[in-house]
Amino acid sequence: MSNKKLISIALMIVGIGLAIWGYQESTGASSQFSSAFTGSFSDRVMQLYIGAAVCFGIGFFMSRK
């Protein structure tokens, strides 16, 4: 397996991990409290979701070539 494939798989795994971490953060008490007043997720949750999407997307497109 080439280094490029290994890196792409690692990035997709990190992306999935960040998405799971973001979901767990969004169900936490502080995030629920913040969401009740603002109507949106906290900054930390959004950063985790965006990081997950970026990592997974880069890994996915790297694996296609």
N, C-alpha and C. Protein backbone atom coordinates (compact mmCIF):
# COMPACT_ATOMS: atom_id res chain seq x y z
N MET A 1 0.85 -1.17 0.00
CA MET A 1 0.00 0.00 0.00
C MET A 1 0.90 1.24 0.00
N SER A 2 0.56 2.20 -0.81
CA SER A 2 1.38 3.40 -0.92
C SER A 2 1.15 4.33 0.27
N ASN A 3 2.10 5.23 0.45
CA ASN A 3 1.99 6.21 1.55
C ASN A 3 0.77 7.11 1.37
N LYS A 4 0.46 7.42 0.12
CA LYS A 4 -0.69 8.29 -0.15
C LYS A 4 -1.99 7.63 0.31
N LYS A 5 -2.14 6.34 0.07
CA LYS A 5 -3.33 5.61 0.50
C LYS A 5 -3.41 5.57 2.02
N LEU A 6 -2.27 5.33 2.67
CA LEU A 6 -2.26 5.28 4.13
C LEU A 6 -2.64 6.62 4.74
N ILE A 7 -2.12 7.69 4.17
CA ILE A 7 -2.45 9.03 4.66
C ILE A 7 -3.93 9.33 4.45
N SER A 8 -4.46 8.95 3.29
CA SER A 8 -5.88 9.21 3.02
C SER A 8 -6.77 8.43 3.98
N ILE A 9 -6.42 7.18 4.26
CA ILE A 9 -7.20 6.38 5.21
C ILE A 9 -7.11 6.99 6.61
N ALA A 10 -5.92 7.42 7.00
CA ALA A 10 -5.73 8.05 8.32
C ALA A 10 -6.57 9.32 8.43
N LEU A 11 -6.59 10.14 7.38
CA LEU A 11 -7.38 11.37 7.41
C LEU A 11 -8.87 11.08 7.52
N MET A 12 -9.34 10.06 6.83
CA MET A 12 -10.76 9.72 6.93
C MET A 12 -11.09 9.20 8.33
N ILE A 13 -10.19 8.43 8.94
CA ILE A 13 -10.42 7.95 10.30
C ILE A 13 -10.44 9.11 11.28
N VAL A 14 -9.51 10.05 11.12
CA VAL A 14 -9.49 11.23 11.99
C VAL A 14 -10.77 12.04 11.80
N GLY A 15 -11.24 12.17 10.57
CA GLY A 15 -12.49 12.89 10.30
C GLY A 15 -13.67 12.25 11.00
N ILE A 16 -13.76 10.93 10.94
CA ILE A 16 -14.84 10.23 11.62
C ILE A 16 -14.73 10.41 13.13
N GLY A 17 -13.50 10.34 13.65
CA GLY A 17 -13.29 10.55 15.08
C GLY A 17 -13.70 11.94 15.53
N LEU A 18 -13.36 12.95 14.74
CA LEU A 18 -13.75 14.32 15.08
C LEU A 18 -15.26 14.50 15.03
N ALA A 19 -15.91 13.85 14.09
CA ALA A 19 -17.38 13.94 14.02
C ALA A 19 -18.03 13.31 15.24
N ILE A 20 -17.50 12.17 15.67
CA ILE A 20 -18.03 11.51 16.88
C ILE A 20 -17.79 12.39 18.10
N TRP A 21 -16.60 12.96 18.19
CA TRP A 21 -16.26 13.84 19.31
C TRP A 21 -17.18 15.06 19.31
N GLY A 22 -17.43 15.63 18.13
CA GLY A 22 -18.33 16.78 18.03
C GLY A 22 -19.75 16.43 18.46
N TYR A 23 -20.21 15.24 18.09
CA TYR A 23 -21.54 14.81 18.50
C TYR A 23 -21.63 14.66 20.01
N GLN A 24 -20.58 14.08 20.61
CA GLN A 24 -20.58 13.92 22.06
C GLN A 24 -20.55 15.28 22.76
N GLU A 25 -19.80 16.22 22.20
CA GLU A 25 -19.77 17.57 22.77
C GLU A 25 -21.13 18.25 22.64
N SER A 26 -21.83 18.00 21.53
CA SER A 26 -23.12 18.67 21.32
C SER A 26 -24.20 18.17 22.26
N THR A 27 -24.04 16.97 22.79
CA THR A 27 -25.04 16.43 23.73
C THR A 27 -24.67 16.71 25.18
N GLY A 28 -23.55 17.39 25.39
CA GLY A 28 -23.14 17.73 26.74
C GLY A 28 -24.00 18.83 27.34
N ALA A 29 -23.94 18.97 28.66
CA ALA A 29 -24.80 19.92 29.37
C ALA A 29 -24.50 21.37 28.97
N SER A 30 -23.23 21.74 28.86
CA SER A 30 -22.89 23.13 28.53
C SER A 30 -23.34 23.49 27.12
N SER A 31 -23.20 22.56 26.19
CA SER A 31 -23.62 22.82 24.82
C SER A 31 -25.14 22.88 24.73
N GLN A 32 -25.82 22.04 25.48
CA GLN A 32 -27.29 22.06 25.48
C GLN A 32 -27.79 23.39 26.06
N PHE A 33 -27.14 23.86 27.10
CA PHE A 33 -27.51 25.13 27.72
C PHE A 33 -27.30 26.28 26.74
N SER A 34 -26.15 26.28 26.07
CA SER A 34 -25.85 27.32 25.10
C SER A 34 -26.82 27.27 23.93
N SER A 35 -27.13 26.06 23.49
CA SER A 35 -28.05 25.90 22.36
C SER A 35 -29.46 26.35 22.71
N ALA A 36 -29.85 26.20 23.95
CA ALA A 36 -31.20 26.61 24.36
C ALA A 36 -31.39 28.11 24.24
N PHE A 37 -30.32 28.88 24.49
CA PHE A 37 -30.44 30.34 24.45
C PHE A 37 -30.10 30.94 23.09
N THR A 38 -29.15 30.35 22.39
CA THR A 38 -28.73 30.93 21.12
C THR A 38 -29.39 30.28 19.92
N GLY A 39 -29.84 29.05 20.07
CA GLY A 39 -30.47 28.36 18.96
C GLY A 39 -29.49 27.70 18.01
N SER A 40 -28.19 27.73 18.35
CA SER A 40 -27.20 27.10 17.49
C SER A 40 -26.15 26.39 18.36
N PHE A 41 -25.35 25.58 17.72
CA PHE A 41 -24.30 24.86 18.43
C PHE A 41 -23.23 25.83 18.94
N SER A 42 -22.47 25.38 19.92
CA SER A 42 -21.37 26.21 20.43
C SER A 42 -20.24 26.25 19.39
N ASP A 43 -19.33 27.17 19.57
CA ASP A 43 -18.20 27.32 18.64
C ASP A 43 -17.35 26.05 18.61
N ARG A 44 -17.14 25.44 19.75
CA ARG A 44 -16.30 24.24 19.82
C ARG A 44 -16.91 23.09 19.01
N VAL A 45 -18.20 22.91 19.13
CA VAL A 45 -18.87 21.85 18.37
C VAL A 45 -18.76 22.12 16.88
N MET A 46 -18.97 23.36 16.48
CA MET A 46 -18.87 23.70 15.06
C MET A 46 -17.45 23.50 14.54
N GLN A 47 -16.44 23.84 15.35
CA GLN A 47 -15.06 23.63 14.94
C GLN A 47 -14.77 22.14 14.74
N LEU A 48 -15.30 21.31 15.62
CA LEU A 48 -15.09 19.88 15.48
C LEU A 48 -15.78 19.34 14.23
N TYR A 49 -17.00 19.78 13.96
CA TYR A 49 -17.72 19.33 12.77
C TYR A 49 -17.02 19.80 11.48
N ILE A 50 -16.57 21.04 11.47
CA ILE A 50 -15.87 21.55 10.29
C ILE A 50 -14.56 20.82 10.08
N GLY A 51 -13.82 20.60 11.17
CA GLY A 51 -12.57 19.84 11.08
C GLY A 51 -12.81 18.43 10.58
N ALA A 52 -13.88 17.83 11.03
CA ALA A 52 -14.22 16.47 10.58
C ALA A 52 -14.51 16.45 9.09
N ALA A 53 -15.28 17.42 8.63
CA ALA A 53 -15.62 17.47 7.21
C ALA A 53 -14.38 17.70 6.34
N VAL A 54 -13.50 18.58 6.80
CA VAL A 54 -12.29 18.88 6.04
C VAL A 54 -11.38 17.66 5.98
N CYS A 55 -11.12 17.05 7.12
CA CYS A 55 -10.25 15.87 7.16
C CYS A 55 -10.82 14.73 6.32
N PHE A 56 -12.09 14.45 6.48
CA PHE A 56 -12.69 13.35 5.73
C PHE A 56 -12.70 13.66 4.24
N GLY A 57 -13.04 14.89 3.89
CA GLY A 57 -13.07 15.27 2.48
C GLY A 57 -11.71 15.17 1.80
N ILE A 58 -10.68 15.67 2.46
CA ILE A 58 -9.34 15.57 1.90
C ILE A 58 -8.91 14.11 1.77
N GLY A 59 -9.16 13.35 2.81
CA GLY A 59 -8.82 11.93 2.77
C GLY A 59 -9.57 11.19 1.68
N PHE A 60 -10.84 11.50 1.49
CA PHE A 60 -11.65 10.85 0.46
C PHE A 60 -11.12 11.17 -0.92
N PHE A 61 -10.84 12.45 -1.19
CA PHE A 61 -10.38 12.82 -2.52
C PHE A 61 -8.95 12.34 -2.78
N MET A 62 -8.15 12.22 -1.76
CA MET A 62 -6.81 11.66 -1.92
C MET A 62 -6.88 10.18 -2.29
N SER A 63 -7.86 9.47 -1.76
CA SER A 63 -7.97 8.04 -2.01
C SER A 63 -8.48 7.72 -3.41
N ARG A 64 -9.12 8.67 -4.04
CA ARG A 64 -9.70 8.44 -5.37
C ARG A 64 -8.67 8.48 -6.47
N LYS A 65 -7.54 9.10 -6.26
CA LYS A 65 -6.55 9.23 -7.33
C LYS A 65 -5.50 8.18 -7.24
